[in-house]
Amino acid sequence: MPNGHIIVADDDAAIRTVLNQALSRAGYEVRSTGNCATCISKLEDGKVSLLPHADAALGKAQLKSGLTLACRARPRSDVTINWLARRAS
């Protein structure tokens, strides 16, 4: 997913995560190893609600710095996301 991509919140935003929307709506291929925390992203703008997750995947300090898990983040407004995870080789 290109950095700075905007995910538009819509009627399905309450049930679709940022990652789901990037894969299905935005048409981007998001490479992930499938391991926990490979979808870590920087929330540059907007609001998300984060579904339950393991502290090992994203700690409190990381949350305070604006990081999120794309697979667990549901947009509450239009959001701008920077994909930080390493790409699978």
N, C-alpha and C. Protein backbone atom coordinates (compact mmCIF):
# COMPACT_ATOMS: atom_id res chain seq x y z
N MET A 1 0.85 -1.16 0.00
CA MET A 1 0.00 0.00 0.00
C MET A 1 0.90 1.22 0.00
N PRO A 2 0.65 2.17 -0.88
CA PRO A 2 1.47 3.37 -0.89
C PRO A 2 1.30 4.17 0.40
N ASN A 3 2.38 4.76 0.87
CA ASN A 3 2.28 5.58 2.07
C ASN A 3 1.41 6.79 1.80
N GLY A 4 0.71 7.20 2.83
CA GLY A 4 -0.15 8.36 2.74
C GLY A 4 -1.48 8.08 2.07
N HIS A 5 -1.81 6.82 1.86
CA HIS A 5 -3.08 6.49 1.22
C HIS A 5 -4.23 6.86 2.15
N ILE A 6 -5.28 7.41 1.57
CA ILE A 6 -6.46 7.78 2.34
C ILE A 6 -7.50 6.67 2.23
N ILE A 7 -7.95 6.20 3.36
CA ILE A 7 -9.05 5.23 3.44
C ILE A 7 -10.30 6.03 3.80
N VAL A 8 -11.31 5.93 2.99
CA VAL A 8 -12.54 6.70 3.20
C VAL A 8 -13.50 5.88 4.05
N ALA A 9 -13.93 6.47 5.13
CA ALA A 9 -14.92 5.82 5.99
C ALA A 9 -16.27 5.85 5.27
N ASP A 10 -16.95 4.73 5.28
CA ASP A 10 -18.26 4.67 4.65
C ASP A 10 -19.21 3.87 5.53
N ASP A 11 -20.33 3.47 4.98
CA ASP A 11 -21.33 2.77 5.79
C ASP A 11 -20.81 1.46 6.36
N ASP A 12 -19.85 0.83 5.69
CA ASP A 12 -19.28 -0.43 6.18
C ASP A 12 -18.11 -0.22 7.13
N ALA A 13 -17.70 1.01 7.37
CA ALA A 13 -16.51 1.27 8.19
C ALA A 13 -16.65 0.69 9.59
N ALA A 14 -17.88 0.58 10.07
CA ALA A 14 -18.08 0.06 11.42
C ALA A 14 -17.72 -1.42 11.52
N ILE A 15 -17.69 -2.12 10.38
CA ILE A 15 -17.38 -3.54 10.43
C ILE A 15 -16.12 -3.90 9.65
N ARG A 16 -15.58 -2.99 8.86
CA ARG A 16 -14.41 -3.27 8.03
C ARG A 16 -13.18 -2.60 8.62
N THR A 17 -12.10 -3.32 8.68
CA THR A 17 -10.86 -2.74 9.19
C THR A 17 -10.15 -1.98 8.09
N VAL A 18 -9.17 -1.19 8.49
CA VAL A 18 -8.34 -0.45 7.52
C VAL A 18 -7.72 -1.43 6.53
N LEU A 19 -7.22 -2.55 7.02
CA LEU A 19 -6.60 -3.54 6.15
C LEU A 19 -7.62 -4.10 5.15
N ASN A 20 -8.83 -4.46 5.63
CA ASN A 20 -9.87 -4.96 4.73
C ASN A 20 -10.19 -3.95 3.64
N GLN A 21 -10.31 -2.69 4.02
CA GLN A 21 -10.65 -1.66 3.05
C GLN A 21 -9.53 -1.45 2.05
N ALA A 22 -8.29 -1.50 2.50
CA ALA A 22 -7.16 -1.34 1.59
C ALA A 22 -7.13 -2.48 0.58
N LEU A 23 -7.43 -3.68 1.04
CA LEU A 23 -7.40 -4.84 0.16
C LEU A 23 -8.56 -4.85 -0.83
N SER A 24 -9.75 -4.54 -0.37
CA SER A 24 -10.92 -4.70 -1.22
C SER A 24 -11.36 -3.44 -1.94
N ARG A 25 -11.33 -2.33 -1.28
CA ARG A 25 -11.87 -1.11 -1.87
C ARG A 25 -10.84 -0.29 -2.61
N ALA A 26 -9.69 -0.13 -1.99
CA ALA A 26 -8.67 0.73 -2.59
C ALA A 26 -7.94 0.00 -3.72
N GLY A 27 -8.05 -1.32 -3.75
CA GLY A 27 -7.44 -2.07 -4.82
C GLY A 27 -5.94 -2.27 -4.68
N TYR A 28 -5.40 -2.04 -3.51
CA TYR A 28 -3.97 -2.21 -3.30
C TYR A 28 -3.65 -3.61 -2.82
N GLU A 29 -2.50 -4.09 -3.24
CA GLU A 29 -2.01 -5.36 -2.72
C GLU A 29 -1.20 -5.03 -1.49
N VAL A 30 -1.59 -5.59 -0.38
CA VAL A 30 -0.88 -5.37 0.87
C VAL A 30 -0.19 -6.66 1.23
N ARG A 31 1.11 -6.64 1.22
CA ARG A 31 1.87 -7.85 1.53
C ARG A 31 2.09 -7.93 3.03
N SER A 32 1.83 -9.08 3.55
CA SER A 32 2.02 -9.33 4.96
C SER A 32 2.47 -10.77 5.13
N THR A 33 3.27 -11.01 6.13
CA THR A 33 3.73 -12.37 6.37
C THR A 33 2.67 -13.18 7.09
N GLY A 34 1.62 -12.53 7.57
CA GLY A 34 0.59 -13.21 8.32
C GLY A 34 0.92 -13.34 9.80
N ASN A 35 2.09 -12.88 10.19
CA ASN A 35 2.47 -12.89 11.60
C ASN A 35 1.91 -11.65 12.27
N CYS A 36 1.59 -11.77 13.53
CA CYS A 36 1.05 -10.65 14.27
C CYS A 36 2.01 -9.47 14.23
N ALA A 37 1.47 -8.30 14.03
CA ALA A 37 2.17 -7.01 13.99
C ALA A 37 2.82 -6.70 12.65
N THR A 38 2.62 -7.54 11.63
CA THR A 38 3.18 -7.20 10.32
C THR A 38 2.38 -6.12 9.62
N CYS A 39 1.20 -5.79 10.13
CA CYS A 39 0.37 -4.74 9.53
C CYS A 39 0.49 -3.42 10.29
N ILE A 40 1.51 -3.30 11.12
CA ILE A 40 1.67 -2.08 11.92
C ILE A 40 1.79 -0.88 10.98
N SER A 41 1.07 0.17 11.30
CA SER A 41 0.98 1.35 10.44
C SER A 41 0.95 2.60 11.29
N LYS A 42 1.28 3.71 10.66
CA LYS A 42 1.24 5.01 11.33
C LYS A 42 -0.04 5.71 10.91
N LEU A 43 -0.87 6.03 11.87
CA LEU A 43 -2.10 6.78 11.61
C LEU A 43 -1.72 8.25 11.54
N GLU A 44 -1.69 8.80 10.34
CA GLU A 44 -1.28 10.19 10.14
C GLU A 44 -2.41 11.17 10.37
N ASP A 45 -3.63 10.75 10.03
CA ASP A 45 -4.76 11.66 10.15
C ASP A 45 -6.03 10.83 10.28
N GLY A 46 -6.98 11.32 11.05
CA GLY A 46 -8.25 10.65 11.22
C GLY A 46 -8.31 9.88 12.52
N LYS A 47 -9.42 9.16 12.69
CA LYS A 47 -9.66 8.42 13.92
C LYS A 47 -10.03 6.98 13.61
N VAL A 48 -9.53 6.08 14.45
CA VAL A 48 -9.89 4.66 14.36
C VAL A 48 -10.25 4.17 15.75
N SER A 49 -11.02 3.10 15.79
CA SER A 49 -11.19 2.37 17.05
C SER A 49 -10.46 1.06 16.85
N LEU A 50 -9.69 0.68 17.84
CA LEU A 50 -8.86 -0.50 17.74
C LEU A 50 -9.54 -1.68 18.42
N LEU A 51 -9.73 -2.74 17.68
CA LEU A 51 -10.29 -3.96 18.23
C LEU A 51 -9.28 -4.58 19.20
N PRO A 52 -9.73 -5.47 20.07
CA PRO A 52 -8.80 -6.10 21.01
C PRO A 52 -7.61 -6.73 20.29
N HIS A 53 -6.45 -6.61 20.93
CA HIS A 53 -5.21 -7.14 20.36
C HIS A 53 -4.24 -7.45 21.50
N ALA A 54 -3.23 -8.23 21.20
CA ALA A 54 -2.21 -8.57 22.20
C ALA A 54 -1.27 -7.39 22.40
N ASP A 55 -0.90 -7.13 23.66
CA ASP A 55 0.05 -6.06 23.93
C ASP A 55 1.38 -6.30 23.23
N ALA A 56 1.71 -7.56 22.98
CA ALA A 56 2.96 -7.88 22.27
C ALA A 56 2.91 -7.40 20.83
N ALA A 57 1.72 -7.28 20.26
CA ALA A 57 1.58 -6.80 18.88
C ALA A 57 1.73 -5.29 18.80
N LEU A 58 1.20 -4.58 19.76
CA LEU A 58 1.24 -3.12 19.77
C LEU A 58 1.10 -2.65 21.21
N GLY A 59 2.17 -2.13 21.75
CA GLY A 59 2.19 -1.71 23.15
C GLY A 59 1.61 -0.32 23.36
N LYS A 60 1.45 0.05 24.61
CA LYS A 60 0.86 1.35 24.96
C LYS A 60 1.70 2.51 24.46
N ALA A 61 3.02 2.41 24.53
CA ALA A 61 3.89 3.48 24.05
C ALA A 61 3.74 3.65 22.54
N GLN A 62 3.60 2.54 21.83
CA GLN A 62 3.40 2.61 20.39
C GLN A 62 2.06 3.26 20.05
N LEU A 63 1.03 2.90 20.80
CA LEU A 63 -0.28 3.53 20.58
C LEU A 63 -0.21 5.03 20.79
N LYS A 64 0.47 5.46 21.84
CA LYS A 64 0.59 6.89 22.13
C LYS A 64 1.35 7.63 21.04
N SER A 65 2.25 6.92 20.34
CA SER A 65 3.03 7.56 19.28
C SER A 65 2.28 7.59 17.94
N GLY A 66 1.06 7.05 17.91
CA GLY A 66 0.24 7.12 16.71
C GLY A 66 0.27 5.88 15.84
N LEU A 67 0.88 4.80 16.34
CA LEU A 67 0.90 3.57 15.58
C LEU A 67 -0.42 2.82 15.78
N THR A 68 -0.76 2.01 14.80
CA THR A 68 -1.97 1.20 14.88
C THR A 68 -1.74 -0.11 14.13
N LEU A 69 -2.63 -1.03 14.32
CA LEU A 69 -2.61 -2.30 13.59
C LEU A 69 -3.72 -2.23 12.54
N ALA A 70 -3.34 -2.25 11.28
CA ALA A 70 -4.33 -2.12 10.21
C ALA A 70 -5.39 -3.22 10.26
N CYS A 71 -5.00 -4.41 10.75
CA CYS A 71 -5.95 -5.52 10.80
C CYS A 71 -6.94 -5.37 11.95
N ARG A 72 -6.68 -4.50 12.90
CA ARG A 72 -7.54 -4.34 14.07
C ARG A 72 -8.17 -2.94 14.15
N ALA A 73 -7.81 -2.05 13.23
CA ALA A 73 -8.29 -0.66 13.26
C ALA A 73 -9.51 -0.49 12.37
N ARG A 74 -10.58 0.02 12.96
CA ARG A 74 -11.78 0.34 12.20
C ARG A 74 -11.87 1.86 12.09
N PRO A 75 -11.93 2.40 10.87
CA PRO A 75 -11.98 3.85 10.71
C PRO A 75 -13.25 4.45 11.27
N ARG A 76 -13.12 5.56 11.97
CA ARG A 76 -14.26 6.32 12.49
C ARG A 76 -14.41 7.64 11.73
N SER A 77 -13.46 7.89 10.84
CA SER A 77 -13.48 9.04 9.95
C SER A 77 -12.59 8.65 8.78
N ASP A 78 -12.47 9.52 7.78
CA ASP A 78 -11.48 9.27 6.75
C ASP A 78 -10.12 9.26 7.45
N VAL A 79 -9.26 8.34 7.07
CA VAL A 79 -7.95 8.23 7.70
C VAL A 79 -6.85 8.20 6.65
N THR A 80 -5.70 8.74 7.03
CA THR A 80 -4.50 8.64 6.21
C THR A 80 -3.55 7.73 6.94
N ILE A 81 -3.08 6.70 6.24
CA ILE A 81 -2.27 5.65 6.83
C ILE A 81 -0.93 5.56 6.11
N ASN A 82 0.14 5.40 6.86
CA ASN A 82 1.45 5.06 6.30
C ASN A 82 1.78 3.64 6.72
N TRP A 83 1.96 2.78 5.73
CA TRP A 83 2.25 1.37 5.95
C TRP A 83 3.70 1.23 6.37
N LEU A 84 3.98 0.72 7.54
CA LEU A 84 5.34 0.62 8.07
C LEU A 84 5.91 -0.79 8.02
N ALA A 85 5.07 -1.78 7.87
CA ALA A 85 5.52 -3.17 7.93
C ALA A 85 6.48 -3.49 6.79
N ARG A 86 7.41 -4.37 7.09
CA ARG A 86 8.30 -4.84 6.03
C ARG A 86 7.51 -5.70 5.07
N ARG A 87 7.86 -5.59 3.82
CA ARG A 87 7.19 -6.40 2.81
C ARG A 87 7.74 -7.80 2.81
N ALA A 88 6.87 -8.73 2.56
CA ALA A 88 7.30 -10.13 2.46
C ALA A 88 8.19 -10.28 1.23
N SER A 89 9.20 -11.09 1.33
CA SER A 89 10.10 -11.26 0.17
C SER A 89 9.67 -12.40 -0.71
